[in-house]
Amino acid sequence: MPIEQPDAGIMFGAEQSGTVIPFPLARRRAFIDRHARHIATMRPEVGERYLDRQLQVQFENLQRRGIDLDIINREIVAMDAAIRAALWRAVITRGQR
């Protein structure tokens, strides 16, 4: 028996038995807050490009891990919303510590 049989659902002699579900990206508070604070220091157009690139990186990482495309899209939308919300919090509370 070969080690890997592409598209057969069998790898290393065992059947694939589960679905990988990622930890919600939007709940990675340190990651979200770090990027929001960084974007807050940029000009708006630069910040948008930076955010788009970070979302693309996360999309590619989830794809490489074999996550279902519908789940990836949902996670990326939630992460985008979380970063934008954290960005507003960072901008509004700037200097109020």
PDB file of N, CA and C in Angstrom:
ATOM      1  N   MET A   1       0.853  -1.176   0.000  1.00  0.00           N
ATOM      2  CA  MET A   1       0.000   0.000   0.000  1.00  0.00           C
ATOM      3  C   MET A   1       0.894   1.233   0.000  1.00  0.00           C
ATOM      4  N   PRO A   2       0.651   2.178  -0.896  1.00  0.00           N
ATOM      5  CA  PRO A   2       1.454   3.398  -0.915  1.00  0.00           C
ATOM      6  C   PRO A   2       1.202   4.235   0.337  1.00  0.00           C
ATOM      7  N   ILE A   3       2.179   5.093   0.648  1.00  0.00           N
ATOM      8  CA  ILE A   3       2.076   5.933   1.842  1.00  0.00           C
ATOM      9  C   ILE A   3       0.947   6.937   1.709  1.00  0.00           C
ATOM     10  N   GLU A   4       0.773   7.489   0.531  1.00  0.00           N
ATOM     11  CA  GLU A   4      -0.267   8.499   0.352  1.00  0.00           C
ATOM     12  C   GLU A   4      -1.016   8.234  -0.932  1.00  0.00           C
ATOM     13  N   GLN A   5      -2.316   8.252  -0.875  1.00  0.00           N
ATOM     14  CA  GLN A   5      -3.148   8.074  -2.053  1.00  0.00           C
ATOM     15  C   GLN A   5      -3.979   9.339  -2.224  1.00  0.00           C
ATOM     16  N   PRO A   6      -3.533  10.269  -3.077  1.00  0.00           N
ATOM     17  CA  PRO A   6      -4.260  11.528  -3.253  1.00  0.00           C
ATOM     18  C   PRO A   6      -5.718  11.302  -3.625  1.00  0.00           C
ATOM     19  N   ASP A   7      -6.567  12.114  -3.069  1.00  0.00           N
ATOM     20  CA  ASP A   7      -8.004  12.118  -3.332  1.00  0.00           C
ATOM     21  C   ASP A   7      -8.723  10.851  -2.909  1.00  0.00           C
ATOM     22  N   ALA A   8      -8.037   9.950  -2.217  1.00  0.00           N
ATOM     23  CA  ALA A   8      -8.689   8.722  -1.772  1.00  0.00           C
ATOM     24  C   ALA A   8      -9.131   8.826  -0.324  1.00  0.00           C
ATOM     25  N   GLY A   9      -8.756   9.908   0.353  1.00  0.00           N
ATOM     26  CA  GLY A   9      -9.116  10.059   1.753  1.00  0.00           C
ATOM     27  C   GLY A   9      -8.254   9.210   2.666  1.00  0.00           C
ATOM     28  N   ILE A  10      -7.184   8.651   2.126  1.00  0.00           N
ATOM     29  CA  ILE A  10      -6.304   7.797   2.926  1.00  0.00           C
ATOM     30  C   ILE A  10      -4.895   8.351   2.868  1.00  0.00           C
ATOM     31  N   MET A  11      -4.313   8.564   4.028  1.00  0.00           N
ATOM     32  CA  MET A  11      -2.934   9.023   4.115  1.00  0.00           C
ATOM     33  C   MET A  11      -2.229   8.198   5.167  1.00  0.00           C
ATOM     34  N   PHE A  12      -1.061   7.737   4.874  1.00  0.00           N
ATOM     35  CA  PHE A  12      -0.248   6.956   5.795  1.00  0.00           C
ATOM     36  C   PHE A  12      -1.001   5.720   6.295  1.00  0.00           C
ATOM     37  N   GLY A  13      -1.849   5.171   5.441  1.00  0.00           N
ATOM     38  CA  GLY A  13      -2.524   3.933   5.767  1.00  0.00           C
ATOM     39  C   GLY A  13      -3.734   4.078   6.674  1.00  0.00           C
ATOM     40  N   ALA A  14      -4.152   5.286   6.998  1.00  0.00           N
ATOM     41  CA  ALA A  14      -5.300   5.491   7.869  1.00  0.00           C
ATOM     42  C   ALA A  14      -6.287   6.429   7.187  1.00  0.00           C
ATOM     43  N   GLU A  15      -7.542   6.231   7.459  1.00  0.00           N
ATOM     44  CA  GLU A  15      -8.549   7.116   6.883  1.00  0.00           C
ATOM     45  C   GLU A  15      -8.574   8.445   7.631  1.00  0.00           C
ATOM     46  N   GLN A  16      -8.853   9.502   6.896  1.00  0.00           N
ATOM     47  CA  GLN A  16      -9.018  10.801   7.535  1.00  0.00           C
ATOM     48  C   GLN A  16     -10.346  10.757   8.283  1.00  0.00           C
ATOM     49  N   SER A  17     -10.317  11.138   9.541  1.00  0.00           N
ATOM     50  CA  SER A  17     -11.509  10.936  10.339  1.00  0.00           C
ATOM     51  C   SER A  17     -12.149  12.201  10.895  1.00  0.00           C
ATOM     52  N   GLY A  18     -11.606  13.363  10.610  1.00  0.00           N
ATOM     53  CA  GLY A  18     -12.181  14.541  11.240  1.00  0.00           C
ATOM     54  C   GLY A  18     -12.066  15.786  10.396  1.00  0.00           C
ATOM     55  N   THR A  19     -12.702  16.802  10.900  1.00  0.00           N
ATOM     56  CA  THR A  19     -12.658  18.111  10.279  1.00  0.00           C
ATOM     57  C   THR A  19     -11.874  19.036  11.195  1.00  0.00           C
ATOM     58  N   VAL A  20     -10.970  19.800  10.613  1.00  0.00           N
ATOM     59  CA  VAL A  20     -10.192  20.754  11.391  1.00  0.00           C
ATOM     60  C   VAL A  20     -11.008  22.024  11.534  1.00  0.00           C
ATOM     61  N   ILE A  21     -11.220  22.458  12.761  1.00  0.00           N
ATOM     62  CA  ILE A  21     -11.943  23.702  13.034  1.00  0.00           C
ATOM     63  C   ILE A  21     -10.970  24.638  13.750  1.00  0.00           C
ATOM     64  N   PRO A  22     -10.646  25.768  13.136  1.00  0.00           N
ATOM     65  CA  PRO A  22      -9.680  26.679  13.750  1.00  0.00           C
ATOM     66  C   PRO A  22     -10.267  27.417  14.942  1.00  0.00           C
ATOM     67  N   PHE A  23      -9.391  27.786  15.861  1.00  0.00           N
ATOM     68  CA  PHE A  23      -9.817  28.675  16.944  1.00  0.00           C
ATOM     69  C   PHE A  23     -10.230  29.988  16.301  1.00  0.00           C
ATOM     70  N   PRO A  24     -11.341  30.569  16.699  1.00  0.00           N
ATOM     71  CA  PRO A  24     -11.795  31.805  16.040  1.00  0.00           C
ATOM     72  C   PRO A  24     -10.715  32.893  16.028  1.00  0.00           C
ATOM     73  N   LEU A  25     -10.341  33.317  14.835  1.00  0.00           N
ATOM     74  CA  LEU A  25      -9.294  34.341  14.692  1.00  0.00           C
ATOM     75  C   LEU A  25      -9.670  35.640  15.387  1.00  0.00           C
ATOM     76  N   ALA A  26     -10.942  35.972  15.370  1.00  0.00           N
ATOM     77  CA  ALA A  26     -11.388  37.239  15.966  1.00  0.00           C
ATOM     78  C   ALA A  26     -11.226  37.249  17.478  1.00  0.00           C
ATOM     79  N   ARG A  27     -10.989  36.106  18.092  1.00  0.00           N
ATOM     80  CA  ARG A  27     -10.818  36.045  19.545  1.00  0.00           C
ATOM     81  C   ARG A  27      -9.350  36.049  19.967  1.00  0.00           C
ATOM     82  N   ARG A  28      -8.467  36.155  19.012  1.00  0.00           N
ATOM     83  CA  ARG A  28      -7.041  36.245  19.339  1.00  0.00           C
ATOM     84  C   ARG A  28      -6.744  37.698  19.690  1.00  0.00           C
ATOM     85  N   ARG A  29      -7.117  38.084  20.926  1.00  0.00           N
ATOM     86  CA  ARG A  29      -7.089  39.484  21.348  1.00  0.00           C
ATOM     87  C   ARG A  29      -5.730  40.147  21.155  1.00  0.00           C
ATOM     88  N   ALA A  30      -4.660  39.505  21.575  1.00  0.00           N
ATOM     89  CA  ALA A  30      -3.342  40.134  21.459  1.00  0.00           C
ATOM     90  C   ALA A  30      -3.012  40.406  19.989  1.00  0.00           C
ATOM     91  N   PHE A  31      -3.288  39.462  19.120  1.00  0.00           N
ATOM     92  CA  PHE A  31      -3.042  39.607  17.683  1.00  0.00           C
ATOM     93  C   PHE A  31      -3.883  40.754  17.120  1.00  0.00           C
ATOM     94  N   ILE A  32      -5.170  40.755  17.447  1.00  0.00           N
ATOM     95  CA  ILE A  32      -6.095  41.778  16.951  1.00  0.00           C
ATOM     96  C   ILE A  32      -5.667  43.166  17.430  1.00  0.00           C
ATOM     97  N   ASP A  33      -5.417  43.295  18.730  1.00  0.00           N
ATOM     98  CA  ASP A  33      -5.047  44.595  19.290  1.00  0.00           C
ATOM     99  C   ASP A  33      -3.709  45.094  18.762  1.00  0.00           C
ATOM    100  N   ARG A  34      -2.744  44.194  18.600  1.00  0.00           N
ATOM    101  CA  ARG A  34      -1.427  44.588  18.087  1.00  0.00           C
ATOM    102  C   ARG A  34      -1.561  45.182  16.683  1.00  0.00           C
ATOM    103  N   HIS A  35      -2.320  44.518  15.814  1.00  0.00           N
ATOM    104  CA  HIS A  35      -2.473  45.025  14.446  1.00  0.00           C
ATOM    105  C   HIS A  35      -3.282  46.319  14.426  1.00  0.00           C
ATOM    106  N   ALA A  36      -4.298  46.421  15.270  1.00  0.00           N
ATOM    107  CA  ALA A  36      -5.092  47.656  15.324  1.00  0.00           C
ATOM    108  C   ALA A  36      -4.230  48.836  15.764  1.00  0.00           C
ATOM    109  N   ARG A  37      -3.414  48.633  16.795  1.00  0.00           N
ATOM    110  CA  ARG A  37      -2.536  49.724  17.261  1.00  0.00           C
ATOM    111  C   ARG A  37      -1.547  50.119  16.169  1.00  0.00           C
ATOM    112  N   HIS A  38      -1.044  49.137  15.449  1.00  0.00           N
ATOM    113  CA  HIS A  38      -0.083  49.414  14.375  1.00  0.00           C
ATOM    114  C   HIS A  38      -0.769  50.193  13.242  1.00  0.00           C
ATOM    115  N   ILE A  39      -1.943  49.764  12.857  1.00  0.00           N
ATOM    116  CA  ILE A  39      -2.675  50.445  11.784  1.00  0.00           C
ATOM    117  C   ILE A  39      -3.029  51.874  12.192  1.00  0.00           C
ATOM    118  N   ALA A  40      -3.313  52.089  13.468  1.00  0.00           N
ATOM    119  CA  ALA A  40      -3.672  53.425  13.960  1.00  0.00           C
ATOM    120  C   ALA A  40      -2.548  54.429  13.748  1.00  0.00           C
ATOM    121  N   THR A  41      -1.323  53.969  13.601  1.00  0.00           N
ATOM    122  CA  THR A  41      -0.191  54.875  13.397  1.00  0.00           C
ATOM    123  C   THR A  41       0.037  55.207  11.924  1.00  0.00           C
ATOM    124  N   MET A  42      -0.734  54.585  11.036  1.00  0.00           N
ATOM    125  CA  MET A  42      -0.524  54.735   9.588  1.00  0.00           C
ATOM    126  C   MET A  42      -1.519  55.707   8.977  1.00  0.00           C
ATOM    127  N   ARG A  43      -1.165  56.202   7.795  1.00  0.00           N
ATOM    128  CA  ARG A  43      -2.137  56.956   7.000  1.00  0.00           C
ATOM    129  C   ARG A  43      -3.250  55.990   6.604  1.00  0.00           C
ATOM    130  N   PRO A  44      -4.479  56.467   6.436  1.00  0.00           N
ATOM    131  CA  PRO A  44      -5.612  55.570   6.156  1.00  0.00           C
ATOM    132  C   PRO A  44      -5.401  54.614   4.979  1.00  0.00           C
ATOM    133  N   GLU A  45      -4.886  55.123   3.866  1.00  0.00           N
ATOM    134  CA  GLU A  45      -4.712  54.256   2.690  1.00  0.00           C
ATOM    135  C   GLU A  45      -3.629  53.196   2.927  1.00  0.00           C
ATOM    136  N   VAL A  46      -2.606  53.549   3.665  1.00  0.00           N
ATOM    137  CA  VAL A  46      -1.552  52.587   3.997  1.00  0.00           C
ATOM    138  C   VAL A  46      -2.091  51.542   4.972  1.00  0.00           C
ATOM    139  N   GLY A  47      -2.876  51.995   5.938  1.00  0.00           N
ATOM    140  CA  GLY A  47      -3.481  51.079   6.897  1.00  0.00           C
ATOM    141  C   GLY A  47      -4.408  50.078   6.233  1.00  0.00           C
ATOM    142  N   GLU A  48      -5.188  50.541   5.242  1.00  0.00           N
ATOM    143  CA  GLU A  48      -6.079  49.629   4.499  1.00  0.00           C
ATOM    144  C   GLU A  48      -5.284  48.568   3.763  1.00  0.00           C
ATOM    145  N   ARG A  49      -4.203  48.977   3.106  1.00  0.00           N
ATOM    146  CA  ARG A  49      -3.366  48.007   2.385  1.00  0.00           C
ATOM    147  C   ARG A  49      -2.737  47.015   3.356  1.00  0.00           C
ATOM    148  N   TYR A  50      -2.268  47.514   4.493  1.00  0.00           N
ATOM    149  CA  TYR A  50      -1.664  46.658   5.510  1.00  0.00           C
ATOM    150  C   TYR A  50      -2.687  45.635   6.017  1.00  0.00           C
ATOM    151  N   LEU A  51      -3.901  46.101   6.319  1.00  0.00           N
ATOM    152  CA  LEU A  51      -4.933  45.197   6.807  1.00  0.00           C
ATOM    153  C   LEU A  51      -5.289  44.161   5.748  1.00  0.00           C
ATOM    154  N   ASP A  52      -5.442  44.590   4.501  1.00  0.00           N
ATOM    155  CA  ASP A  52      -5.733  43.644   3.418  1.00  0.00           C
ATOM    156  C   ASP A  52      -4.657  42.573   3.318  1.00  0.00           C
ATOM    157  N   ARG A  53      -3.403  42.990   3.454  1.00  0.00           N
ATOM    158  CA  ARG A  53      -2.293  42.019   3.367  1.00  0.00           C
ATOM    159  C   ARG A  53      -2.330  41.042   4.550  1.00  0.00           C
ATOM    160  N   GLN A  54      -2.597  41.541   5.743  1.00  0.00           N
ATOM    161  CA  GLN A  54      -2.658  40.651   6.917  1.00  0.00           C
ATOM    162  C   GLN A  54      -3.811  39.656   6.796  1.00  0.00           C
ATOM    163  N   LEU A  55      -4.937  40.096   6.272  1.00  0.00           N
ATOM    164  CA  LEU A  55      -6.067  39.193   6.065  1.00  0.00           C
ATOM    165  C   LEU A  55      -5.725  38.144   5.015  1.00  0.00           C
ATOM    166  N   GLN A  56      -5.007  38.553   3.972  1.00  0.00           N
ATOM    167  CA  GLN A  56      -4.587  37.604   2.932  1.00  0.00           C
ATOM    168  C   GLN A  56      -3.635  36.551   3.508  1.00  0.00           C
ATOM    169  N   VAL A  57      -2.717  36.972   4.358  1.00  0.00           N
ATOM    170  CA  VAL A  57      -1.779  36.038   4.994  1.00  0.00           C
ATOM    171  C   VAL A  57      -2.552  35.013   5.827  1.00  0.00           C
ATOM    172  N   GLN A  58      -3.526  35.475   6.596  1.00  0.00           N
ATOM    173  CA  GLN A  58      -4.315  34.555   7.415  1.00  0.00           C
ATOM    174  C   GLN A  58      -5.138  33.616   6.540  1.00  0.00           C
ATOM    175  N   PHE A  59      -5.686  34.130   5.442  1.00  0.00           N
ATOM    176  CA  PHE A  59      -6.434  33.304   4.501  1.00  0.00           C
ATOM    177  C   PHE A  59      -5.549  32.179   3.963  1.00  0.00           C
ATOM    178  N   GLU A  60      -4.351  32.541   3.536  1.00  0.00           N
ATOM    179  CA  GLU A  60      -3.424  31.544   2.981  1.00  0.00           C
ATOM    180  C   GLU A  60      -3.016  30.519   4.032  1.00  0.00           C
ATOM    181  N   ASN A  61      -2.795  30.953   5.270  1.00  0.00           N
ATOM    182  CA  ASN A  61      -2.437  30.021   6.345  1.00  0.00           C
ATOM    183  C   ASN A  61      -3.544  29.008   6.589  1.00  0.00           C
ATOM    184  N   LEU A  62      -4.785  29.472   6.619  1.00  0.00           N
ATOM    185  CA  LEU A  62      -5.910  28.567   6.839  1.00  0.00           C
ATOM    186  C   LEU A  62      -6.085  27.615   5.662  1.00  0.00           C
ATOM    187  N   GLN A  63      -5.860  28.105   4.453  1.00  0.00           N
ATOM    188  CA  GLN A  63      -5.947  27.249   3.266  1.00  0.00           C
ATOM    189  C   GLN A  63      -4.922  26.125   3.320  1.00  0.00           C
ATOM    190  N   ARG A  64      -3.697  26.472   3.690  1.00  0.00           N
ATOM    191  CA  ARG A  64      -2.631  25.459   3.787  1.00  0.00           C
ATOM    192  C   ARG A  64      -2.971  24.378   4.805  1.00  0.00           C
ATOM    193  N   ARG A  65      -3.722  24.741   5.828  1.00  0.00           N
ATOM    194  CA  ARG A  65      -4.094  23.775   6.869  1.00  0.00           C
ATOM    195  C   ARG A  65      -5.289  22.919   6.472  1.00  0.00           C
ATOM    196  N   GLY A  66      -5.847  23.190   5.310  1.00  0.00           N
ATOM    197  CA  GLY A  66      -6.943  22.371   4.824  1.00  0.00           C
ATOM    198  C   GLY A  66      -8.308  22.734   5.372  1.00  0.00           C
ATOM    199  N   ILE A  67      -8.455  23.964   5.837  1.00  0.00           N
ATOM    200  CA  ILE A  67      -9.734  24.421   6.372  1.00  0.00           C
ATOM    201  C   ILE A  67     -10.701  24.652   5.214  1.00  0.00           C
ATOM    202  N   ASP A  68     -11.977  24.318   5.413  1.00  0.00           N
ATOM    203  CA  ASP A  68     -13.014  24.501   4.415  1.00  0.00           C
ATOM    204  C   ASP A  68     -13.110  25.980   4.026  1.00  0.00           C
ATOM    205  N   LEU A  69     -13.311  26.247   2.742  1.00  0.00           N
ATOM    206  CA  LEU A  69     -13.340  27.626   2.232  1.00  0.00           C
ATOM    207  C   LEU A  69     -14.439  28.472   2.880  1.00  0.00           C
ATOM    208  N   ASP A  70     -15.600  27.896   3.151  1.00  0.00           N
ATOM    209  CA  ASP A  70     -16.673  28.656   3.808  1.00  0.00           C
ATOM    210  C   ASP A  70     -16.251  29.096   5.210  1.00  0.00           C
ATOM    211  N   ILE A  71     -15.564  28.220   5.926  1.00  0.00           N
ATOM    212  CA  ILE A  71     -15.081  28.551   7.272  1.00  0.00           C
ATOM    213  C   ILE A  71     -14.012  29.622   7.185  1.00  0.00           C
ATOM    214  N   ILE A  72     -13.123  29.499   6.213  1.00  0.00           N
ATOM    215  CA  ILE A  72     -12.068  30.509   6.037  1.00  0.00           C
ATOM    216  C   ILE A  72     -12.686  31.872   5.793  1.00  0.00           C
ATOM    217  N   ASN A  73     -13.629  31.942   4.883  1.00  0.00           N
ATOM    218  CA  ASN A  73     -14.254  33.235   4.570  1.00  0.00           C
ATOM    219  C   ASN A  73     -14.935  33.828   5.795  1.00  0.00           C
ATOM    220  N   ARG A  74     -15.635  33.003   6.555  1.00  0.00           N
ATOM    221  CA  ARG A  74     -16.298  33.481   7.772  1.00  0.00           C
ATOM    222  C   ARG A  74     -15.275  34.003   8.782  1.00  0.00           C
ATOM    223  N   GLU A  75     -14.165  33.284   8.936  1.00  0.00           N
ATOM    224  CA  GLU A  75     -13.125  33.692   9.881  1.00  0.00           C
ATOM    225  C   GLU A  75     -12.452  34.998   9.457  1.00  0.00           C
ATOM    226  N   ILE A  76     -12.206  35.159   8.170  1.00  0.00           N
ATOM    227  CA  ILE A  76     -11.544  36.370   7.677  1.00  0.00           C
ATOM    228  C   ILE A  76     -12.461  37.587   7.849  1.00  0.00           C
ATOM    229  N   VAL A  77     -13.745  37.428   7.570  1.00  0.00           N
ATOM    230  CA  VAL A  77     -14.702  38.530   7.763  1.00  0.00           C
ATOM    231  C   VAL A  77     -14.765  38.910   9.244  1.00  0.00           C
ATOM    232  N   ALA A  78     -14.804  37.917  10.123  1.00  0.00           N
ATOM    233  CA  ALA A  78     -14.857  38.190  11.564  1.00  0.00           C
ATOM    234  C   ALA A  78     -13.566  38.856  12.040  1.00  0.00           C
ATOM    235  N   MET A  79     -12.434  38.415  11.506  1.00  0.00           N
ATOM    236  CA  MET A  79     -11.148  39.015  11.895  1.00  0.00           C
ATOM    237  C   MET A  79     -11.069  40.464  11.417  1.00  0.00           C
ATOM    238  N   ASP A  80     -11.518  40.723  10.211  1.00  0.00           N
ATOM    239  CA  ASP A  80     -11.537  42.084   9.675  1.00  0.00           C
ATOM    240  C   ASP A  80     -12.381  42.980  10.580  1.00  0.00           C
ATOM    241  N   ALA A  81     -13.571  42.523  10.953  1.00  0.00           N
ATOM    242  CA  ALA A  81     -14.451  43.312  11.822  1.00  0.00           C
ATOM    243  C   ALA A  81     -13.816  43.538  13.190  1.00  0.00           C
ATOM    244  N   ALA A  82     -13.166  42.516  13.731  1.00  0.00           N
ATOM    245  CA  ALA A  82     -12.535  42.638  15.052  1.00  0.00           C
ATOM    246  C   ALA A  82     -11.386  43.644  15.029  1.00  0.00           C
ATOM    247  N   ILE A  83     -10.574  43.611  13.980  1.00  0.00           N
ATOM    248  CA  ILE A  83      -9.452  44.555  13.879  1.00  0.00           C
ATOM    249  C   ILE A  83      -9.980  45.979  13.714  1.00  0.00           C
ATOM    250  N   ARG A  84     -11.008  46.153  12.884  1.00  0.00           N
ATOM    251  CA  ARG A  84     -11.571  47.496  12.689  1.00  0.00           C
ATOM    252  C   ARG A  84     -12.195  48.027  13.982  1.00  0.00           C
ATOM    253  N   ALA A  85     -12.860  47.165  14.735  1.00  0.00           N
ATOM    254  CA  ALA A  85     -13.438  47.585  16.016  1.00  0.00           C
ATOM    255  C   ALA A  85     -12.329  47.972  16.998  1.00  0.00           C
ATOM    256  N   ALA A  86     -11.272  47.163  17.055  1.00  0.00           N
ATOM    257  CA  ALA A  86     -10.142  47.463  17.940  1.00  0.00           C
ATOM    258  C   ALA A  86      -9.434  48.740  17.497  1.00  0.00           C
ATOM    259  N   LEU A  87      -9.382  48.965  16.189  1.00  0.00           N
ATOM    260  CA  LEU A  87      -8.776  50.191  15.655  1.00  0.00           C
ATOM    261  C   LEU A  87      -9.557  51.414  16.125  1.00  0.00           C
ATOM    262  N   TRP A  88     -10.876  51.357  16.057  1.00  0.00           N
ATOM    263  CA  TRP A  88     -11.691  52.470  16.544  1.00  0.00           C
ATOM    264  C   TRP A  88     -11.486  52.683  18.030  1.00  0.00           C
ATOM    265  N   ARG A  89     -11.429  51.593  18.792  1.00  0.00           N
ATOM    266  CA  ARG A  89     -11.170  51.737  20.234  1.00  0.00           C
ATOM    267  C   ARG A  89      -9.815  52.393  20.467  1.00  0.00           C
ATOM    268  N   ALA A  90      -8.808  51.984  19.699  1.00  0.00           N
ATOM    269  CA  ALA A  90      -7.465  52.556  19.857  1.00  0.00           C
ATOM    270  C   ALA A  90      -7.451  54.041  19.502  1.00  0.00           C
ATOM    271  N   VAL A  91      -8.161  54.417  18.455  1.00  0.00           N
ATOM    272  CA  VAL A  91      -8.192  55.817  18.022  1.00  0.00           C
ATOM    273  C   VAL A  91      -8.970  56.669  19.023  1.00  0.00           C
ATOM    274  N   ILE A  92     -10.116  56.180  19.459  1.00  0.00           N
ATOM    275  CA  ILE A  92     -10.962  56.952  20.368  1.00  0.00           C
ATOM    276  C   ILE A  92     -10.323  57.126  21.737  1.00  0.00           C
ATOM    277  N   THR A  93      -9.642  56.109  22.230  1.00  0.00           N
ATOM    278  CA  THR A  93      -9.064  56.165  23.575  1.00  0.00           C
ATOM    279  C   THR A  93      -7.604  56.595  23.582  1.00  0.00           C
ATOM    280  N   ARG A  94      -7.080  57.007  22.450  1.00  0.00           N
ATOM    281  CA  ARG A  94      -5.673  57.420  22.381  1.00  0.00           C
ATOM    282  C   ARG A  94      -5.410  58.534  23.372  1.00  0.00           C
ATOM    283  N   GLY A  95      -4.446  58.327  24.233  1.00  0.00           N
ATOM    284  CA  GLY A  95      -4.060  59.328  25.213  1.00  0.00           C
ATOM    285  C   GLY A  95      -4.929  59.388  26.456  1.00  0.00           C
ATOM    286  N   GLN A  96      -5.861  58.462  26.603  1.00  0.00           N
ATOM    287  CA  GLN A  96      -6.740  58.484  27.757  1.00  0.00           C
ATOM    288  C   GLN A  96      -6.366  57.438  28.792  1.00  0.00           C
ATOM    289  N   ARG A  97      -5.106  57.092  28.899  1.00  0.00           N
ATOM    290  CA  ARG A  97      -4.691  56.064  29.852  1.00  0.00           C
ATOM    291  C   ARG A  97      -4.114  56.650  31.081  1.00  0.00           C
TER     292      ARG A  97
END
